[in-house]
């Protein structure tokens, strides 16, 4: 999935991250950025899993 396939809002944080120039960052800063983004990915995955489970529970309840 290419991020350019989705229209972005002017205040979209993901679009701002993609536009940021990484050249001035040190290796340590890049490592810290990767760690922060990996933590955010884990948070998003956990939230998505809760949403999927919630939806499955609701679907099961209303199918009875």
C-alpha atoms as a PDB file:
ATOM      1  CA  UNK A   1       0.000   0.000   0.000  1.00  0.00           C
ATOM      2  CA  UNK A   2       1.526   3.271  -1.130  1.00  0.00           C
ATOM      3  CA  UNK A   3       0.910   6.197   1.275  1.00  0.00           C
ATOM      4  CA  UNK A   4       0.589   8.494  -1.740  1.00  0.00           C
ATOM      5  CA  UNK A   5      -2.613   6.641  -2.692  1.00  0.00           C
ATOM      6  CA  UNK A   6      -4.481   8.338   0.141  1.00  0.00           C
ATOM      7  CA  UNK A   7      -5.401  12.025   0.065  1.00  0.00           C
ATOM      8  CA  UNK A   8      -4.064  13.800   3.115  1.00  0.00           C
ATOM      9  CA  UNK A   9      -5.364  16.697   5.107  1.00  0.00           C
ATOM     10  CA  UNK A  10      -3.093  19.713   5.449  1.00  0.00           C
ATOM     11  CA  UNK A  11      -2.626  18.960   9.168  1.00  0.00           C
ATOM     12  CA  UNK A  12      -1.931  15.222   8.640  1.00  0.00           C
ATOM     13  CA  UNK A  13       0.871  14.194  11.013  1.00  0.00           C
ATOM     14  CA  UNK A  14       1.911  11.251   8.839  1.00  0.00           C
ATOM     15  CA  UNK A  15       2.290  13.490   5.793  1.00  0.00           C
ATOM     16  CA  UNK A  16       4.383  15.906   7.865  1.00  0.00           C
ATOM     17  CA  UNK A  17       6.648  13.041   9.000  1.00  0.00           C
ATOM     18  CA  UNK A  18       7.164  11.918   5.407  1.00  0.00           C
ATOM     19  CA  UNK A  19       8.136  15.447   4.324  1.00  0.00           C
ATOM     20  CA  UNK A  20      10.653  16.002   7.129  1.00  0.00           C
ATOM     21  CA  UNK A  21      14.280  16.189   6.033  1.00  0.00           C
ATOM     22  CA  UNK A  22      16.212  13.424   7.784  1.00  0.00           C
ATOM     23  CA  UNK A  23      19.683  14.604   6.700  1.00  0.00           C
ATOM     24  CA  UNK A  24      20.329  16.832   9.741  1.00  0.00           C
ATOM     25  CA  UNK A  25      19.577  14.010  12.199  1.00  0.00           C
ATOM     26  CA  UNK A  26      22.375  12.040  13.850  1.00  0.00           C
ATOM     27  CA  UNK A  27      22.444   8.254  13.945  1.00  0.00           C
ATOM     28  CA  UNK A  28      21.313   8.381  17.588  1.00  0.00           C
ATOM     29  CA  UNK A  29      18.421  10.670  16.669  1.00  0.00           C
ATOM     30  CA  UNK A  30      17.463   8.379  13.791  1.00  0.00           C
ATOM     31  CA  UNK A  31      17.556   5.380  16.158  1.00  0.00           C
ATOM     32  CA  UNK A  32      15.345   7.243  18.635  1.00  0.00           C
ATOM     33  CA  UNK A  33      12.944   8.136  15.835  1.00  0.00           C
ATOM     34  CA  UNK A  34      12.755   4.496  14.692  1.00  0.00           C
ATOM     35  CA  UNK A  35      12.090   3.358  18.272  1.00  0.00           C
ATOM     36  CA  UNK A  36       9.327   5.953  18.684  1.00  0.00           C
ATOM     37  CA  UNK A  37       7.718   4.972  15.391  1.00  0.00           C
ATOM     38  CA  UNK A  38       7.907   1.258  16.282  1.00  0.00           C
ATOM     39  CA  UNK A  39       6.204   2.021  19.603  1.00  0.00           C
ATOM     40  CA  UNK A  40       3.498   3.945  17.745  1.00  0.00           C
ATOM     41  CA  UNK A  41       3.021   1.036  15.329  1.00  0.00           C
ATOM     42  CA  UNK A  42       2.591  -1.323  18.295  1.00  0.00           C
ATOM     43  CA  UNK A  43       0.030   1.049  19.833  1.00  0.00           C
ATOM     44  CA  UNK A  44      -1.902   1.247  16.570  1.00  0.00           C
ATOM     45  CA  UNK A  45      -1.863  -2.532  16.113  1.00  0.00           C
ATOM     46  CA  UNK A  46      -3.174  -3.045  19.647  1.00  0.00           C
ATOM     47  CA  UNK A  47      -5.939  -0.510  19.064  1.00  0.00           C
ATOM     48  CA  UNK A  48      -6.835  -2.134  15.755  1.00  0.00           C
ATOM     49  CA  UNK A  49      -6.993  -5.555  17.417  1.00  0.00           C
ATOM     50  CA  UNK A  50      -9.344  -4.199  20.094  1.00  0.00           C
ATOM     51  CA  UNK A  51     -11.532  -2.668  17.380  1.00  0.00           C
ATOM     52  CA  UNK A  52     -11.659  -5.944  15.431  1.00  0.00           C
ATOM     53  CA  UNK A  53     -12.537  -7.897  18.571  1.00  0.00           C
ATOM     54  CA  UNK A  54     -15.195  -5.363  19.540  1.00  0.00           C
ATOM     55  CA  UNK A  55     -16.724  -5.560  16.078  1.00  0.00           C
ATOM     56  CA  UNK A  56     -16.699  -9.372  16.143  1.00  0.00           C
ATOM     57  CA  UNK A  57     -18.404  -9.354  19.556  1.00  0.00           C
ATOM     58  CA  UNK A  58     -21.074  -6.943  18.331  1.00  0.00           C
ATOM     59  CA  UNK A  59     -21.633  -8.975  15.168  1.00  0.00           C
ATOM     60  CA  UNK A  60     -21.974 -12.169  17.207  1.00  0.00           C
ATOM     61  CA  UNK A  61     -24.436 -10.514  19.592  1.00  0.00           C
ATOM     62  CA  UNK A  62     -26.716  -9.239  16.839  1.00  0.00           C
ATOM     63  CA  UNK A  63     -26.643 -12.458  14.812  1.00  0.00           C
ATOM     64  CA  UNK A  64     -28.443 -14.376  17.550  1.00  0.00           C
END
